[in-house]
Every structure is written in structure tokens, then in C-alpha cells.
Amino acid sequence: MGRTVVPITQAIHEEVASWAKFRRALRKEDQSALDDCFQAALMHAAEGAYATRTDPYEVVVMAILVEQQKAIRALQAEVARLSEEGSGI
């Protein structure tokens, strides 16, 4: 009999649960930031399923990196826009 593959959303939830003690040790604002990171992983669950990685932690980390990169790009664009406005261009 073959091994049953755990659905990626369940695997992500299990990964998140495994960090519960770490989360509790964080300050409230850091807990919120960590929750945002884990939310990013859940937002990309479909992509994680498509990638068929054996370690759900890899999916979690990559999803977090993608969302952080998107946030960085948005901030860079905003800084550029504000710089242009400030220079009178």
C-alpha cells in the first residue's frame, strides 16, 4: 500500500501549530507579524500543492518570501512616487 499524502493546507496548519510555543514567547506585535507570515503560507497553499514539495516548511518559507518581496516592491514604488512628487517632476 502506498503512503497517503497529507493535503497541503493540513500540512501548513500542522507546521503552524508546531510553532505555537515560539509564538507564545513573542511579544504581541511580533505574534501579529508571525501570524501574517503564516497567513501568507495559507494564501499560497494551492501553489504549494502544485509544487509537490515533501517538506511543507519549504512551502511556508517560500510563500512568506514571495509576500515579503511583494511588500518590498510596493514600498519601493511608493518611495519612488513620493520622491518624484517631492522633486517637482
N, C-alpha and C. Protein backbone atom coordinates (compact mmCIF):
# COMPACT_ATOMS: atom_id res chain seq x y z
N MET A 1 0.83 -1.18 0.00
CA MET A 1 0.00 0.00 0.00
C MET A 1 0.88 1.24 0.00
N GLY A 2 0.45 2.24 -0.77
CA GLY A 2 1.21 3.49 -0.86
C GLY A 2 0.97 4.39 0.34
N ARG A 3 1.83 5.34 0.47
CA ARG A 3 1.73 6.30 1.56
C ARG A 3 0.74 7.39 1.18
N THR A 4 -0.14 7.73 2.10
CA THR A 4 -1.11 8.78 1.86
C THR A 4 -0.43 10.14 2.01
N VAL A 5 -0.67 11.01 1.05
CA VAL A 5 -0.10 12.35 1.09
C VAL A 5 -1.07 13.27 1.82
N VAL A 6 -0.56 13.97 2.80
CA VAL A 6 -1.37 14.91 3.57
C VAL A 6 -1.66 16.13 2.70
N PRO A 7 -2.91 16.59 2.65
CA PRO A 7 -3.21 17.81 1.89
C PRO A 7 -2.34 18.98 2.38
N ILE A 8 -1.94 19.82 1.45
CA ILE A 8 -1.00 20.90 1.79
C ILE A 8 -1.56 21.84 2.84
N THR A 9 -2.86 22.13 2.79
CA THR A 9 -3.40 23.04 3.81
C THR A 9 -3.31 22.42 5.20
N GLN A 10 -3.55 21.13 5.28
CA GLN A 10 -3.41 20.45 6.57
C GLN A 10 -1.95 20.46 7.02
N ALA A 11 -1.05 20.22 6.08
CA ALA A 11 0.38 20.22 6.41
C ALA A 11 0.82 21.60 6.88
N ILE A 12 0.30 22.65 6.24
CA ILE A 12 0.65 24.01 6.66
C ILE A 12 0.11 24.29 8.06
N HIS A 13 -1.13 23.89 8.30
CA HIS A 13 -1.70 24.08 9.64
C HIS A 13 -0.89 23.33 10.70
N GLU A 14 -0.44 22.14 10.37
CA GLU A 14 0.39 21.38 11.30
C GLU A 14 1.73 22.08 11.54
N GLU A 15 2.29 22.63 10.48
CA GLU A 15 3.55 23.37 10.62
C GLU A 15 3.35 24.59 11.50
N VAL A 16 2.27 25.32 11.27
CA VAL A 16 1.96 26.49 12.09
C VAL A 16 1.79 26.07 13.56
N ALA A 17 1.07 24.99 13.78
CA ALA A 17 0.84 24.51 15.15
C ALA A 17 2.16 24.14 15.83
N SER A 18 3.11 23.65 15.06
CA SER A 18 4.39 23.25 15.66
C SER A 18 5.18 24.45 16.18
N TRP A 19 4.81 25.65 15.76
CA TRP A 19 5.48 26.87 16.20
C TRP A 19 4.72 27.58 17.32
N ALA A 20 3.73 26.92 17.90
CA ALA A 20 2.87 27.55 18.91
C ALA A 20 3.65 28.06 20.12
N LYS A 21 4.57 27.27 20.63
CA LYS A 21 5.34 27.71 21.81
C LYS A 21 6.21 28.91 21.47
N PHE A 22 6.82 28.89 20.31
CA PHE A 22 7.62 30.03 19.86
C PHE A 22 6.75 31.27 19.77
N ARG A 23 5.56 31.12 19.19
CA ARG A 23 4.64 32.24 19.03
C ARG A 23 4.26 32.82 20.39
N ARG A 24 3.94 31.94 21.34
CA ARG A 24 3.55 32.41 22.68
C ARG A 24 4.67 33.19 23.36
N ALA A 25 5.91 32.86 23.06
CA ALA A 25 7.04 33.54 23.68
C ALA A 25 7.28 34.93 23.10
N LEU A 26 6.71 35.21 21.95
CA LEU A 26 6.90 36.51 21.30
C LEU A 26 6.05 37.59 21.94
N ARG A 27 6.49 38.84 21.76
CA ARG A 27 5.66 39.98 22.16
C ARG A 27 4.44 40.03 21.25
N LYS A 28 3.40 40.71 21.68
CA LYS A 28 2.13 40.76 20.93
C LYS A 28 2.32 41.23 19.49
N GLU A 29 3.09 42.31 19.30
CA GLU A 29 3.27 42.81 17.93
C GLU A 29 4.05 41.82 17.07
N ASP A 30 4.95 41.08 17.70
CA ASP A 30 5.69 40.06 16.96
C ASP A 30 4.81 38.85 16.66
N GLN A 31 3.90 38.54 17.57
CA GLN A 31 2.94 37.46 17.31
C GLN A 31 2.10 37.81 16.09
N SER A 32 1.69 39.06 16.01
CA SER A 32 0.90 39.50 14.87
C SER A 32 1.69 39.38 13.57
N ALA A 33 2.96 39.75 13.62
CA ALA A 33 3.80 39.64 12.43
C ALA A 33 3.97 38.18 12.02
N LEU A 34 4.16 37.31 13.00
CA LEU A 34 4.29 35.89 12.70
C LEU A 34 2.99 35.34 12.11
N ASP A 35 1.87 35.78 12.66
CA ASP A 35 0.57 35.36 12.12
C ASP A 35 0.44 35.79 10.66
N ASP A 36 0.91 36.99 10.34
CA ASP A 36 0.88 37.46 8.95
C ASP A 36 1.71 36.55 8.06
N CYS A 37 2.86 36.13 8.56
CA CYS A 37 3.71 35.23 7.78
C CYS A 37 3.01 33.91 7.51
N PHE A 38 2.41 33.36 8.53
CA PHE A 38 1.71 32.09 8.35
C PHE A 38 0.49 32.25 7.45
N GLN A 39 -0.14 33.41 7.51
CA GLN A 39 -1.27 33.67 6.62
C GLN A 39 -0.81 33.68 5.16
N ALA A 40 0.38 34.19 4.93
CA ALA A 40 0.95 34.18 3.58
C ALA A 40 1.10 32.75 3.08
N ALA A 41 1.51 31.87 3.96
CA ALA A 41 1.67 30.46 3.57
C ALA A 41 0.32 29.87 3.18
N LEU A 42 -0.71 30.19 3.93
CA LEU A 42 -2.03 29.66 3.60
C LEU A 42 -2.58 30.27 2.31
N MET A 43 -2.23 31.52 2.05
CA MET A 43 -2.67 32.17 0.81
C MET A 43 -2.09 31.46 -0.42
N HIS A 44 -0.94 30.84 -0.25
CA HIS A 44 -0.26 30.19 -1.36
C HIS A 44 -0.33 28.66 -1.27
N ALA A 45 -1.34 28.16 -0.60
CA ALA A 45 -1.48 26.71 -0.44
C ALA A 45 -1.65 26.01 -1.78
N ALA A 46 -2.42 26.59 -2.67
CA ALA A 46 -2.64 25.96 -3.98
C ALA A 46 -1.32 25.82 -4.74
N GLU A 47 -0.51 26.86 -4.68
CA GLU A 47 0.79 26.80 -5.35
C GLU A 47 1.68 25.75 -4.69
N GLY A 48 1.56 25.65 -3.37
CA GLY A 48 2.33 24.65 -2.64
C GLY A 48 1.93 23.24 -3.02
N ALA A 49 0.65 23.03 -3.23
CA ALA A 49 0.18 21.72 -3.66
C ALA A 49 0.70 21.40 -5.05
N TYR A 50 0.72 22.39 -5.90
CA TYR A 50 1.21 22.21 -7.26
C TYR A 50 2.70 21.88 -7.27
N ALA A 51 3.43 22.48 -6.34
CA ALA A 51 4.88 22.27 -6.28
C ALA A 51 5.24 20.87 -5.77
N THR A 52 4.34 20.24 -5.08
CA THR A 52 4.52 18.89 -4.52
C THR A 52 5.84 18.73 -3.77
N ARG A 53 6.12 19.67 -2.89
CA ARG A 53 7.31 19.56 -2.04
C ARG A 53 7.03 18.56 -0.93
N THR A 54 8.03 17.79 -0.54
CA THR A 54 7.83 16.80 0.51
C THR A 54 7.85 17.43 1.90
N ASP A 55 8.47 18.58 2.02
CA ASP A 55 8.55 19.25 3.32
C ASP A 55 7.68 20.51 3.28
N PRO A 56 6.58 20.53 4.03
CA PRO A 56 5.70 21.71 4.00
C PRO A 56 6.39 22.98 4.48
N TYR A 57 7.44 22.84 5.27
CA TYR A 57 8.17 24.01 5.74
C TYR A 57 8.74 24.80 4.56
N GLU A 58 9.17 24.11 3.53
CA GLU A 58 9.69 24.78 2.34
C GLU A 58 8.60 25.64 1.69
N VAL A 59 7.40 25.13 1.64
CA VAL A 59 6.27 25.88 1.07
C VAL A 59 5.99 27.11 1.93
N VAL A 60 5.99 26.92 3.24
CA VAL A 60 5.73 28.03 4.16
C VAL A 60 6.77 29.14 3.96
N VAL A 61 8.03 28.77 3.95
CA VAL A 61 9.10 29.76 3.82
C VAL A 61 9.03 30.46 2.47
N MET A 62 8.84 29.72 1.40
CA MET A 62 8.79 30.33 0.08
C MET A 62 7.60 31.27 -0.05
N ALA A 63 6.46 30.89 0.49
CA ALA A 63 5.28 31.75 0.44
C ALA A 63 5.52 33.05 1.21
N ILE A 64 6.16 32.94 2.36
CA ILE A 64 6.49 34.13 3.15
C ILE A 64 7.43 35.03 2.36
N LEU A 65 8.44 34.44 1.74
CA LEU A 65 9.39 35.23 0.95
C LEU A 65 8.71 35.94 -0.22
N VAL A 66 7.80 35.25 -0.88
CA VAL A 66 7.08 35.86 -2.01
C VAL A 66 6.28 37.06 -1.52
N GLU A 67 5.54 36.90 -0.43
CA GLU A 67 4.73 38.00 0.08
C GLU A 67 5.59 39.16 0.58
N GLN A 68 6.71 38.85 1.20
CA GLN A 68 7.60 39.92 1.65
C GLN A 68 8.21 40.66 0.46
N GLN A 69 8.55 39.93 -0.59
CA GLN A 69 9.10 40.58 -1.78
C GLN A 69 8.06 41.49 -2.42
N LYS A 70 6.82 41.05 -2.44
CA LYS A 70 5.75 41.90 -2.98
C LYS A 70 5.62 43.17 -2.15
N ALA A 71 5.71 43.04 -0.84
CA ALA A 71 5.61 44.21 0.04
C ALA A 71 6.80 45.15 -0.19
N ILE A 72 7.98 44.60 -0.35
CA ILE A 72 9.17 45.42 -0.61
C ILE A 72 9.00 46.19 -1.92
N ARG A 73 8.54 45.51 -2.95
CA ARG A 73 8.34 46.17 -4.24
C ARG A 73 7.32 47.30 -4.13
N ALA A 74 6.24 47.05 -3.40
CA ALA A 74 5.21 48.09 -3.23
C ALA A 74 5.79 49.29 -2.49
N LEU A 75 6.58 49.04 -1.47
CA LEU A 75 7.20 50.14 -0.72
C LEU A 75 8.21 50.90 -1.58
N GLN A 76 8.98 50.17 -2.38
CA GLN A 76 9.93 50.84 -3.26
C GLN A 76 9.21 51.72 -4.28
N ALA A 77 8.12 51.23 -4.81
CA ALA A 77 7.34 52.02 -5.76
C ALA A 77 6.77 53.27 -5.09
N GLU A 78 6.32 53.12 -3.87
CA GLU A 78 5.77 54.27 -3.13
C GLU A 78 6.86 55.29 -2.83
N VAL A 79 8.03 54.83 -2.44
CA VAL A 79 9.15 55.74 -2.19
C VAL A 79 9.52 56.48 -3.47
N ALA A 80 9.57 55.77 -4.58
CA ALA A 80 9.90 56.40 -5.86
C ALA A 80 8.85 57.44 -6.23
N ARG A 81 7.58 57.10 -6.02
CA ARG A 81 6.50 58.04 -6.33
C ARG A 81 6.60 59.28 -5.47
N LEU A 82 6.84 59.09 -4.18
CA LEU A 82 6.96 60.24 -3.28
C LEU A 82 8.19 61.08 -3.60
N SER A 83 9.26 60.43 -4.01
CA SER A 83 10.47 61.17 -4.40
C SER A 83 10.21 62.03 -5.62
N GLU A 84 9.48 61.48 -6.58
CA GLU A 84 9.15 62.25 -7.79
C GLU A 84 8.25 63.43 -7.45
N GLU A 85 7.28 63.21 -6.57
CA GLU A 85 6.40 64.30 -6.16
C GLU A 85 7.18 65.39 -5.44
N GLY A 86 8.10 64.98 -4.61
CA GLY A 86 8.88 65.93 -3.83
C GLY A 86 9.86 66.73 -4.66
N SER A 87 10.30 66.15 -5.77
CA SER A 87 11.28 66.86 -6.61
C SER A 87 10.60 67.73 -7.66
N GLY A 88 9.28 67.68 -7.72
CA GLY A 88 8.54 68.52 -8.66
C GLY A 88 8.56 68.03 -10.08
N ILE A 89 8.88 66.77 -10.28
CA ILE A 89 8.92 66.22 -11.65
C ILE A 89 7.52 65.96 -12.14
